[in-house]
Amino acid sequence: MESKHMLEWFSDEPFEDITSSVEAIFKRQAPNTKMLSFEITSDPQWLTGNRKSKNNDNMILVRSGMAATCNFSLENNNKIHDLKGVLTWVGANLDSNPIRHIWMNLDGTLQEFGDEGMLKERIYYESDL
């Protein structure tokens, strides 16, 4: 994925963190859920925010968010569920004490959740997780 270096703003192991986070979302609803496969099916849409450095004219990245469509399979109670949706991953306070949050919107579209949709609001997510 061409955006891997950008995902590394959020995590040293972005792909592992995405799949484990999505699996955890569904495990909260059904504890014996297991992720079988996960695939990003669109180019990610990105939004970023920065602030001006106090010492010079450089800009410092302080927040970023991405949204992409995906297909994935989960197993629960020996049943396989093939699902699709939009993954949104946001990082804030990237310059100090970073926080991050992942959303999975089943059957969502990039029009709804991408850079012209909910990502505009979600990039400002700053709750302590």
Protein backbone atom coordinates (compact mmCIF):
# COMPACT_ATOMS: atom_id res chain seq x y z
CA MET A 1 0.00 0.00 0.00
CA GLU A 2 1.43 3.37 -1.05
CA SER A 3 0.07 5.04 2.12
CA LYS A 4 1.98 2.80 4.54
CA HIS A 5 4.41 5.58 5.51
CA MET A 6 1.42 7.82 6.33
CA LEU A 7 -0.23 5.08 8.41
CA GLU A 8 3.01 4.89 10.38
CA TRP A 9 2.09 8.31 11.84
CA PHE A 10 -0.47 6.33 13.85
CA SER A 11 1.43 3.11 14.57
CA ASP A 12 4.72 1.31 13.97
CA GLU A 13 2.70 -1.73 12.84
CA PRO A 14 -0.30 -0.16 11.07
CA PHE A 15 -1.68 -3.25 9.33
CA GLU A 16 -1.60 -5.36 12.47
CA ASP A 17 -3.21 -2.55 14.47
CA ILE A 18 -5.98 -2.09 11.89
CA THR A 19 -6.96 -5.76 11.85
CA SER A 20 -6.72 -6.21 15.62
CA SER A 21 -8.72 -3.01 16.24
CA VAL A 22 -11.47 -4.00 13.81
CA GLU A 23 -11.59 -7.47 15.34
CA ALA A 24 -11.84 -5.90 18.82
CA ILE A 25 -14.80 -3.77 17.73
CA PHE A 26 -16.73 -6.92 16.85
CA LYS A 27 -15.45 -8.90 19.86
CA ARG A 28 -17.16 -6.34 22.10
CA GLN A 29 -20.44 -7.50 20.58
CA ALA A 30 -19.60 -11.23 20.35
CA PRO A 31 -16.50 -12.29 22.32
CA ASN A 32 -15.60 -15.36 20.23
CA THR A 33 -15.35 -13.41 16.97
CA LYS A 34 -12.18 -14.00 14.93
CA MET A 35 -10.87 -11.97 11.97
CA LEU A 36 -10.26 -14.27 9.00
CA SER A 37 -9.33 -11.75 6.31
CA PHE A 38 -9.13 -8.00 5.76
CA GLU A 39 -8.58 -6.09 2.51
CA ILE A 40 -8.53 -2.36 1.75
CA THR A 41 -10.43 -1.98 -1.54
CA SER A 42 -9.99 1.73 -2.35
CA ASP A 43 -7.31 4.35 -2.28
CA PRO A 44 -7.42 5.99 1.15
CA GLN A 45 -8.75 9.52 1.44
CA TRP A 46 -6.70 11.69 3.83
CA LEU A 47 -7.15 14.88 5.79
CA THR A 48 -4.42 16.42 7.93
CA GLY A 49 -4.06 19.36 10.29
CA ASN A 50 -0.99 21.23 11.39
CA ARG A 51 0.19 24.18 13.39
CA LYS A 52 2.97 26.65 12.81
CA SER A 53 6.19 26.06 14.71
CA LYS A 54 7.01 28.66 17.38
CA ASN A 55 10.67 28.77 16.32
CA ASN A 56 10.41 29.09 12.54
CA ASP A 57 8.01 29.03 9.62
CA ASN A 58 7.80 25.24 9.53
CA MET A 59 4.50 23.47 9.97
CA ILE A 60 4.09 20.64 12.51
CA LEU A 61 1.66 17.81 11.82
CA VAL A 62 -0.74 17.54 14.76
CA ARG A 63 -3.60 15.43 13.40
CA SER A 64 -4.39 13.17 10.50
CA GLY A 65 -7.24 10.96 9.42
CA MET A 66 -7.86 8.45 6.67
CA ALA A 67 -10.89 6.65 5.32
CA ALA A 68 -10.93 3.71 2.92
CA THR A 69 -13.40 1.05 1.83
CA CYS A 70 -12.67 -2.51 2.86
CA ASN A 71 -13.90 -6.08 2.69
CA PHE A 72 -13.35 -8.46 5.56
CA SER A 73 -14.48 -11.81 6.92
CA LEU A 74 -15.24 -12.67 10.52
CA GLU A 75 -15.98 -16.02 12.08
CA ASN A 76 -18.32 -16.38 15.03
CA ASN A 77 -19.84 -19.61 16.34
CA ASN A 78 -18.59 -21.48 13.26
CA LYS A 79 -20.39 -19.05 10.93
CA ILE A 80 -18.46 -16.89 8.48
CA HIS A 81 -19.66 -13.35 7.86
CA ASP A 82 -18.37 -11.55 4.75
CA LEU A 83 -18.69 -7.83 5.37
CA LYS A 84 -17.81 -4.54 3.71
CA GLY A 85 -17.64 -1.01 4.95
CA VAL A 86 -15.52 2.07 5.48
CA LEU A 87 -12.59 2.06 7.88
CA THR A 88 -11.74 5.43 9.41
CA TRP A 89 -8.53 5.90 11.42
CA VAL A 90 -7.75 9.21 13.11
CA GLY A 91 -4.72 10.31 15.08
CA ALA A 92 -4.59 13.53 17.10
CA ASN A 93 -1.87 15.16 19.20
CA LEU A 94 0.66 13.59 16.86
CA ASP A 95 3.33 16.03 18.04
CA SER A 96 2.95 14.99 21.71
CA ASN A 97 0.92 12.35 23.58
CA PRO A 98 -0.74 10.92 20.46
CA ILE A 99 -4.21 9.45 20.64
CA ARG A 100 -5.98 7.45 17.95
CA HIS A 101 -9.35 5.99 17.19
CA ILE A 102 -10.71 3.58 14.59
CA TRP A 103 -14.29 3.39 13.30
CA MET A 104 -15.82 0.71 11.08
CA ASN A 105 -19.03 1.70 9.29
CA LEU A 106 -20.63 -1.37 7.75
CA ASP A 107 -21.99 -0.85 4.23
CA GLY A 108 -20.80 2.77 4.37
CA THR A 109 -19.45 4.71 1.40
CA LEU A 110 -16.53 7.09 1.01
CA GLN A 111 -19.06 9.75 0.05
CA GLU A 112 -20.52 9.42 3.57
CA PHE A 113 -17.35 8.82 5.57
CA GLY A 114 -14.44 10.09 3.44
CA ASP A 115 -12.74 13.46 3.09
CA GLU A 116 -15.99 15.19 2.08
CA GLY A 117 -18.05 13.36 4.73
CA MET A 118 -17.63 12.34 8.38
CA LEU A 119 -13.83 12.37 8.20
CA LYS A 120 -14.05 16.19 8.42
CA GLU A 121 -15.58 15.82 11.90
CA ARG A 122 -13.72 12.73 13.02
CA ILE A 123 -10.30 14.27 12.43
CA TYR A 124 -11.01 16.41 15.49
CA TYR A 125 -11.66 13.40 17.74
CA GLU A 126 -9.63 14.01 20.89
CA SER A 127 -11.11 11.84 23.62
CA ASP A 128 -8.59 10.01 25.80
CA LEU A 129 -8.84 6.36 24.84
